[in-house]
Amino acid sequence: MSETAALHARNAYNACHIGLEDPVGLVVRLYEGLISFLGRGAEALEQQDFKRAAEAIGRGLDIVGALQATLDLDKGGEVAANLDRLYDWMRREVLTAHLHRDAGAVRRVVELVTPLRDAWSEARTRAPESPPPAETAP
């Protein structure tokens, strides 16, 4: 199998797998990806590998955009509004850090995101199980 075919197969598998996951699980996975990509970006900045840094930071910023796009500002109230402002801040902070090649600033964003990921992960484990579908009488 060619590398391109393998990549397409992996992406298709991931898309199917993600589609089956619960919404809180998706948020946890997005935060995990954000932490991973920003961590890689900071590491690449430290190694002065600016191409790799740009790729990793760009992927991290894509995730921030995805998190922000899923917010329902009408139904989410103050929590959603606060997350919206936080995501705006993250985007500006990471872009500025990347521009100034400041790995420490990127790592500070990771330090801020990590407790959010942990809180969502804990909420996921504490969420009650979904009730089984109601059976219909014959």
N, C-alpha and C. Protein backbone atom coordinates (compact mmCIF):
# COMPACT_ATOMS: atom_id res chain seq x y z
N MET A 1 0.86 -1.17 0.00
CA MET A 1 0.00 0.00 0.00
C MET A 1 0.91 1.23 0.00
N SER A 2 0.59 2.19 -0.87
CA SER A 2 1.40 3.41 -0.92
C SER A 2 1.19 4.24 0.33
N GLU A 3 2.11 5.16 0.58
CA GLU A 3 2.01 6.02 1.76
C GLU A 3 0.75 6.88 1.68
N THR A 4 0.41 7.37 0.49
CA THR A 4 -0.80 8.18 0.32
C THR A 4 -2.06 7.36 0.60
N ALA A 5 -2.10 6.14 0.10
CA ALA A 5 -3.25 5.27 0.34
C ALA A 5 -3.39 4.96 1.82
N ALA A 6 -2.26 4.71 2.48
CA ALA A 6 -2.30 4.43 3.92
C ALA A 6 -2.81 5.64 4.69
N LEU A 7 -2.38 6.83 4.28
CA LEU A 7 -2.84 8.05 4.94
C LEU A 7 -4.34 8.23 4.77
N HIS A 8 -4.84 8.00 3.55
CA HIS A 8 -6.28 8.10 3.30
C HIS A 8 -7.06 7.07 4.12
N ALA A 9 -6.54 5.87 4.22
CA ALA A 9 -7.20 4.83 4.99
C ALA A 9 -7.25 5.20 6.47
N ARG A 10 -6.14 5.71 6.98
CA ARG A 10 -6.10 6.11 8.39
C ARG A 10 -7.08 7.25 8.65
N ASN A 11 -7.11 8.23 7.75
CA ASN A 11 -8.05 9.35 7.92
C ASN A 11 -9.50 8.89 7.88
N ALA A 12 -9.81 7.95 6.99
CA ALA A 12 -11.17 7.42 6.92
C ALA A 12 -11.53 6.69 8.20
N TYR A 13 -10.58 5.89 8.71
CA TYR A 13 -10.83 5.18 9.97
C TYR A 13 -11.07 6.17 11.10
N ASN A 14 -10.21 7.18 11.19
CA ASN A 14 -10.36 8.18 12.25
C ASN A 14 -11.69 8.91 12.14
N ALA A 15 -12.11 9.23 10.93
CA ALA A 15 -13.39 9.93 10.75
C ALA A 15 -14.55 9.06 11.22
N CYS A 16 -14.50 7.78 10.91
CA CYS A 16 -15.56 6.87 11.36
C CYS A 16 -15.53 6.72 12.87
N HIS A 17 -14.35 6.57 13.43
CA HIS A 17 -14.19 6.38 14.87
C HIS A 17 -14.67 7.62 15.62
N ILE A 18 -14.29 8.79 15.16
CA ILE A 18 -14.69 10.03 15.82
C ILE A 18 -16.20 10.20 15.75
N GLY A 19 -16.80 9.82 14.63
CA GLY A 19 -18.24 9.99 14.48
C GLY A 19 -19.04 9.17 15.48
N LEU A 20 -18.46 8.11 16.00
CA LEU A 20 -19.16 7.26 16.95
C LEU A 20 -18.95 7.68 18.40
N GLU A 21 -18.01 8.59 18.63
CA GLU A 21 -17.68 8.98 19.99
C GLU A 21 -18.67 9.99 20.53
N ASP A 22 -18.80 10.01 21.83
CA ASP A 22 -19.69 10.96 22.48
C ASP A 22 -19.14 12.38 22.34
N PRO A 23 -20.01 13.40 22.42
CA PRO A 23 -19.56 14.78 22.23
C PRO A 23 -18.49 15.22 23.24
N VAL A 24 -18.62 14.82 24.49
CA VAL A 24 -17.61 15.19 25.48
C VAL A 24 -16.28 14.51 25.14
N GLY A 25 -16.35 13.28 24.68
CA GLY A 25 -15.14 12.58 24.25
C GLY A 25 -14.46 13.28 23.10
N LEU A 26 -15.25 13.85 22.19
CA LEU A 26 -14.67 14.60 21.08
C LEU A 26 -13.94 15.83 21.58
N VAL A 27 -14.53 16.53 22.55
CA VAL A 27 -13.88 17.71 23.11
C VAL A 27 -12.56 17.30 23.77
N VAL A 28 -12.56 16.20 24.51
CA VAL A 28 -11.33 15.72 25.14
C VAL A 28 -10.28 15.43 24.09
N ARG A 29 -10.68 14.75 23.02
CA ARG A 29 -9.73 14.43 21.94
C ARG A 29 -9.19 15.70 21.27
N LEU A 30 -10.04 16.70 21.10
CA LEU A 30 -9.57 17.96 20.51
C LEU A 30 -8.55 18.63 21.43
N TYR A 31 -8.84 18.67 22.72
CA TYR A 31 -7.88 19.24 23.66
C TYR A 31 -6.57 18.44 23.66
N GLU A 32 -6.65 17.12 23.59
CA GLU A 32 -5.44 16.30 23.55
C GLU A 32 -4.62 16.61 22.30
N GLY A 33 -5.31 16.76 21.17
CA GLY A 33 -4.61 17.12 19.94
C GLY A 33 -3.97 18.50 20.04
N LEU A 34 -4.70 19.44 20.62
CA LEU A 34 -4.17 20.79 20.79
C LEU A 34 -2.91 20.77 21.63
N ILE A 35 -2.95 20.06 22.75
CA ILE A 35 -1.79 19.95 23.63
C ILE A 35 -0.62 19.32 22.89
N SER A 36 -0.90 18.26 22.16
CA SER A 36 0.15 17.55 21.43
C SER A 36 0.78 18.44 20.36
N PHE A 37 -0.03 19.06 19.54
CA PHE A 37 0.52 19.88 18.45
C PHE A 37 1.26 21.10 18.97
N LEU A 38 0.71 21.77 19.98
CA LEU A 38 1.41 22.94 20.51
C LEU A 38 2.71 22.52 21.19
N GLY A 39 2.69 21.38 21.86
CA GLY A 39 3.93 20.87 22.46
C GLY A 39 4.99 20.60 21.40
N ARG A 40 4.58 19.98 20.30
CA ARG A 40 5.51 19.72 19.20
C ARG A 40 6.01 21.04 18.59
N GLY A 41 5.10 22.01 18.50
CA GLY A 41 5.49 23.31 17.95
C GLY A 41 6.51 24.00 18.83
N ALA A 42 6.30 23.96 20.14
CA ALA A 42 7.25 24.57 21.08
C ALA A 42 8.61 23.88 20.98
N GLU A 43 8.57 22.56 20.93
CA GLU A 43 9.82 21.80 20.80
C GLU A 43 10.56 22.17 19.51
N ALA A 44 9.83 22.28 18.43
CA ALA A 44 10.44 22.63 17.15
C ALA A 44 11.02 24.05 17.20
N LEU A 45 10.32 24.97 17.86
CA LEU A 45 10.86 26.32 18.01
C LEU A 45 12.18 26.28 18.78
N GLU A 46 12.22 25.49 19.84
CA GLU A 46 13.45 25.37 20.63
C GLU A 46 14.60 24.82 19.79
N GLN A 47 14.27 23.93 18.86
CA GLN A 47 15.28 23.32 18.00
C GLN A 47 15.54 24.15 16.74
N GLN A 48 14.88 25.27 16.65
CA GLN A 48 14.97 26.19 15.51
C GLN A 48 14.60 25.50 14.19
N ASP A 49 13.67 24.58 14.28
CA ASP A 49 13.11 23.91 13.10
C ASP A 49 11.80 24.63 12.80
N PHE A 50 11.90 25.74 12.11
CA PHE A 50 10.76 26.64 11.97
C PHE A 50 9.69 26.10 11.02
N LYS A 51 10.08 25.27 10.07
CA LYS A 51 9.08 24.66 9.20
C LYS A 51 8.21 23.69 10.00
N ARG A 52 8.84 22.84 10.79
CA ARG A 52 8.09 21.88 11.61
C ARG A 52 7.25 22.62 12.66
N ALA A 53 7.81 23.70 13.20
CA ALA A 53 7.06 24.51 14.18
C ALA A 53 5.81 25.08 13.54
N ALA A 54 5.96 25.62 12.33
CA ALA A 54 4.82 26.23 11.64
C ALA A 54 3.72 25.19 11.38
N GLU A 55 4.12 23.99 10.97
CA GLU A 55 3.14 22.95 10.70
C GLU A 55 2.39 22.54 11.97
N ALA A 56 3.13 22.30 13.05
CA ALA A 56 2.51 21.86 14.29
C ALA A 56 1.63 22.96 14.89
N ILE A 57 2.14 24.18 14.91
CA ILE A 57 1.37 25.29 15.46
C ILE A 57 0.13 25.55 14.60
N GLY A 58 0.27 25.44 13.30
CA GLY A 58 -0.89 25.60 12.41
C GLY A 58 -1.97 24.58 12.70
N ARG A 59 -1.57 23.33 12.93
CA ARG A 59 -2.55 22.28 13.26
C ARG A 59 -3.21 22.58 14.61
N GLY A 60 -2.40 23.06 15.56
CA GLY A 60 -2.97 23.44 16.86
C GLY A 60 -3.98 24.56 16.73
N LEU A 61 -3.66 25.55 15.91
CA LEU A 61 -4.60 26.66 15.69
C LEU A 61 -5.86 26.20 14.99
N ASP A 62 -5.74 25.22 14.11
CA ASP A 62 -6.93 24.63 13.48
C ASP A 62 -7.85 24.02 14.54
N ILE A 63 -7.25 23.39 15.53
CA ILE A 63 -8.05 22.78 16.60
C ILE A 63 -8.72 23.85 17.44
N VAL A 64 -8.00 24.94 17.74
CA VAL A 64 -8.63 26.04 18.47
C VAL A 64 -9.84 26.53 17.68
N GLY A 65 -9.69 26.67 16.38
CA GLY A 65 -10.81 27.08 15.53
C GLY A 65 -11.97 26.11 15.58
N ALA A 66 -11.67 24.80 15.59
CA ALA A 66 -12.73 23.79 15.66
C ALA A 66 -13.45 23.86 17.00
N LEU A 67 -12.69 24.02 18.07
CA LEU A 67 -13.32 24.15 19.39
C LEU A 67 -14.22 25.38 19.44
N GLN A 68 -13.73 26.47 18.89
CA GLN A 68 -14.51 27.71 18.91
C GLN A 68 -15.74 27.60 18.02
N ALA A 69 -15.61 26.93 16.91
CA ALA A 69 -16.74 26.79 15.98
C ALA A 69 -17.87 25.95 16.57
N THR A 70 -17.55 25.07 17.51
CA THR A 70 -18.59 24.22 18.08
C THR A 70 -19.35 24.88 19.22
N LEU A 71 -18.90 26.05 19.64
CA LEU A 71 -19.59 26.74 20.74
C LEU A 71 -20.98 27.19 20.29
N ASP A 72 -21.94 27.00 21.15
CA ASP A 72 -23.29 27.51 20.92
C ASP A 72 -23.47 28.69 21.86
N LEU A 73 -23.19 29.88 21.35
CA LEU A 73 -23.22 31.08 22.19
C LEU A 73 -24.62 31.41 22.69
N ASP A 74 -25.64 30.98 21.95
CA ASP A 74 -27.03 31.24 22.39
C ASP A 74 -27.41 30.35 23.56
N LYS A 75 -27.12 29.06 23.47
CA LYS A 75 -27.51 28.12 24.52
C LYS A 75 -26.46 28.00 25.62
N GLY A 76 -25.21 28.31 25.30
CA GLY A 76 -24.12 28.09 26.25
C GLY A 76 -23.95 29.16 27.30
N GLY A 77 -24.62 30.30 27.10
CA GLY A 77 -24.58 31.36 28.09
C GLY A 77 -23.18 31.86 28.39
N GLU A 78 -22.96 32.14 29.66
CA GLU A 78 -21.70 32.73 30.11
C GLU A 78 -20.51 31.80 29.89
N VAL A 79 -20.72 30.50 30.08
CA VAL A 79 -19.63 29.55 29.89
C VAL A 79 -19.14 29.59 28.45
N ALA A 80 -20.06 29.53 27.50
CA ALA A 80 -19.68 29.57 26.09
C ALA A 80 -19.01 30.89 25.74
N ALA A 81 -19.52 31.99 26.27
CA ALA A 81 -18.92 33.31 26.01
C ALA A 81 -17.50 33.37 26.56
N ASN A 82 -17.29 32.82 27.75
CA ASN A 82 -15.95 32.81 28.34
C ASN A 82 -15.00 31.94 27.53
N LEU A 83 -15.47 30.77 27.09
CA LEU A 83 -14.63 29.90 26.25
C LEU A 83 -14.31 30.59 24.93
N ASP A 84 -15.27 31.30 24.35
CA ASP A 84 -15.04 32.03 23.11
C ASP A 84 -13.91 33.05 23.28
N ARG A 85 -13.95 33.79 24.38
CA ARG A 85 -12.89 34.77 24.65
C ARG A 85 -11.56 34.08 24.90
N LEU A 86 -11.60 32.95 25.61
CA LEU A 86 -10.38 32.21 25.87
C LEU A 86 -9.76 31.72 24.56
N TYR A 87 -10.57 31.19 23.66
CA TYR A 87 -10.05 30.70 22.38
C TYR A 87 -9.48 31.85 21.55
N ASP A 88 -10.12 33.02 21.59
CA ASP A 88 -9.56 34.19 20.90
C ASP A 88 -8.19 34.53 21.47
N TRP A 89 -8.09 34.52 22.81
CA TRP A 89 -6.83 34.83 23.46
C TRP A 89 -5.76 33.82 23.08
N MET A 90 -6.12 32.52 23.11
CA MET A 90 -5.17 31.46 22.75
C MET A 90 -4.63 31.68 21.34
N ARG A 91 -5.54 31.97 20.43
CA ARG A 91 -5.12 32.17 19.04
C ARG A 91 -4.11 33.31 18.95
N ARG A 92 -4.44 34.45 19.58
CA ARG A 92 -3.52 35.60 19.54
C ARG A 92 -2.19 35.26 20.21
N GLU A 93 -2.25 34.61 21.35
CA GLU A 93 -1.04 34.28 22.11
C GLU A 93 -0.13 33.35 21.32
N VAL A 94 -0.71 32.33 20.72
CA VAL A 94 0.10 31.37 19.95
C VAL A 94 0.67 32.02 18.69
N LEU A 95 -0.13 32.81 18.01
CA LEU A 95 0.37 33.50 16.81
C LEU A 95 1.52 34.44 17.17
N THR A 96 1.36 35.20 18.25
CA THR A 96 2.42 36.12 18.67
C THR A 96 3.67 35.34 19.08
N ALA A 97 3.47 34.26 19.82
CA ALA A 97 4.60 33.43 20.23
C ALA A 97 5.33 32.86 19.02
N HIS A 98 4.57 32.41 18.05
CA HIS A 98 5.18 31.86 16.84
C HIS A 98 5.95 32.94 16.09
N LEU A 99 5.37 34.11 15.98
CA LEU A 99 6.03 35.22 15.29
C LEU A 99 7.36 35.58 15.95
N HIS A 100 7.36 35.55 17.29
CA HIS A 100 8.57 35.91 18.04
C HIS A 100 9.44 34.70 18.39
N ARG A 101 9.03 33.54 17.88
CA ARG A 101 9.77 32.29 18.11
C ARG A 101 9.97 32.04 19.60
N ASP A 102 8.89 32.22 20.35
CA ASP A 102 8.90 32.11 21.79
C ASP A 102 8.26 30.80 22.23
N ALA A 103 9.08 29.76 22.36
CA ALA A 103 8.57 28.44 22.75
C ALA A 103 7.94 28.49 24.14
N GLY A 104 8.48 29.31 25.02
CA GLY A 104 7.95 29.41 26.38
C GLY A 104 6.51 29.89 26.39
N ALA A 105 6.18 30.84 25.53
CA ALA A 105 4.81 31.34 25.47
C ALA A 105 3.87 30.26 24.93
N VAL A 106 4.33 29.47 23.98
CA VAL A 106 3.50 28.36 23.47
C VAL A 106 3.27 27.35 24.59
N ARG A 107 4.31 27.06 25.36
CA ARG A 107 4.18 26.11 26.47
C ARG A 107 3.23 26.63 27.55
N ARG A 108 3.18 27.95 27.76
CA ARG A 108 2.25 28.50 28.74
C ARG A 108 0.80 28.28 28.31
N VAL A 109 0.54 28.34 27.01
CA VAL A 109 -0.80 28.05 26.52
C VAL A 109 -1.12 26.58 26.78
N VAL A 110 -0.16 25.70 26.55
CA VAL A 110 -0.36 24.27 26.84
C VAL A 110 -0.66 24.08 28.32
N GLU A 111 0.05 24.79 29.18
CA GLU A 111 -0.19 24.69 30.63
C GLU A 111 -1.60 25.15 30.99
N LEU A 112 -2.13 26.11 30.25
CA LEU A 112 -3.49 26.58 30.49
C LEU A 112 -4.53 25.58 29.98
N VAL A 113 -4.24 24.95 28.86
CA VAL A 113 -5.19 24.03 28.23
C VAL A 113 -5.26 22.70 28.98
N THR A 114 -4.16 22.28 29.56
CA THR A 114 -4.11 20.96 30.19
C THR A 114 -5.17 20.79 31.28
N PRO A 115 -5.36 21.75 32.21
CA PRO A 115 -6.43 21.56 33.20
C PRO A 115 -7.83 21.54 32.56
N LEU A 116 -8.01 22.26 31.46
CA LEU A 116 -9.30 22.21 30.76
C LEU A 116 -9.55 20.80 30.23
N ARG A 117 -8.54 20.24 29.59
CA ARG A 117 -8.66 18.87 29.09
C ARG A 117 -8.96 17.91 30.23
N ASP A 118 -8.26 18.08 31.35
CA ASP A 118 -8.47 17.20 32.49
C ASP A 118 -9.89 17.32 33.04
N ALA A 119 -10.41 18.55 33.09
CA ALA A 119 -11.77 18.75 33.60
C ALA A 119 -12.80 18.10 32.67
N TRP A 120 -12.62 18.25 31.37
CA TRP A 120 -13.54 17.61 30.43
C TRP A 120 -13.44 16.10 30.52
N SER A 121 -12.22 15.60 30.68
CA SER A 121 -12.02 14.16 30.79
C SER A 121 -12.71 13.63 32.05
N GLU A 122 -12.58 14.35 33.16
CA GLU A 122 -13.24 13.93 34.40
C GLU A 122 -14.76 13.99 34.24
N ALA A 123 -15.25 15.04 33.59
CA ALA A 123 -16.70 15.15 33.36
C ALA A 123 -17.19 13.97 32.54
N ARG A 124 -16.38 13.54 31.61
CA ARG A 124 -16.76 12.40 30.76
C ARG A 124 -16.87 11.13 31.59
N THR A 125 -15.93 10.92 32.49
CA THR A 125 -15.96 9.69 33.29
C THR A 125 -17.06 9.72 34.33
N ARG A 126 -17.48 10.91 34.74
CA ARG A 126 -18.53 11.01 35.76
C ARG A 126 -19.93 11.10 35.17
N ALA A 127 -20.01 11.28 33.86
CA ALA A 127 -21.33 11.39 33.22
C ALA A 127 -22.09 10.08 33.37
N PRO A 128 -23.38 10.17 33.68
CA PRO A 128 -24.16 8.93 33.79
C PRO A 128 -24.25 8.24 32.44
N GLU A 129 -24.32 6.95 32.51
CA GLU A 129 -24.48 6.16 31.29
C GLU A 129 -25.80 6.53 30.62
N SER A 130 -25.83 6.48 29.31
CA SER A 130 -27.07 6.72 28.60
C SER A 130 -28.01 5.57 28.87
N PRO A 131 -29.28 5.88 29.10
CA PRO A 131 -30.23 4.78 29.34
C PRO A 131 -30.41 3.95 28.06
N PRO A 132 -30.66 2.67 28.21
CA PRO A 132 -30.88 1.86 27.01
C PRO A 132 -32.16 2.31 26.31
N PRO A 133 -32.24 2.10 25.00
CA PRO A 133 -33.46 2.48 24.29
C PRO A 133 -34.66 1.73 24.84
N ALA A 134 -35.78 2.42 24.86
CA ALA A 134 -37.02 1.80 25.36
C ALA A 134 -37.45 0.68 24.43
N GLU A 135 -37.88 -0.41 25.02
CA GLU A 135 -38.35 -1.51 24.21
C GLU A 135 -39.83 -1.29 23.89
N THR A 136 -40.22 -1.73 22.74
CA THR A 136 -41.63 -1.61 22.36
C THR A 136 -42.35 -2.91 22.67
N ALA A 137 -43.54 -2.78 23.12
CA ALA A 137 -44.35 -3.97 23.44
C ALA A 137 -44.79 -4.64 22.14
N PRO A 138 -44.82 -5.99 22.12
CA PRO A 138 -45.25 -6.68 20.89
C PRO A 138 -46.74 -6.53 20.65
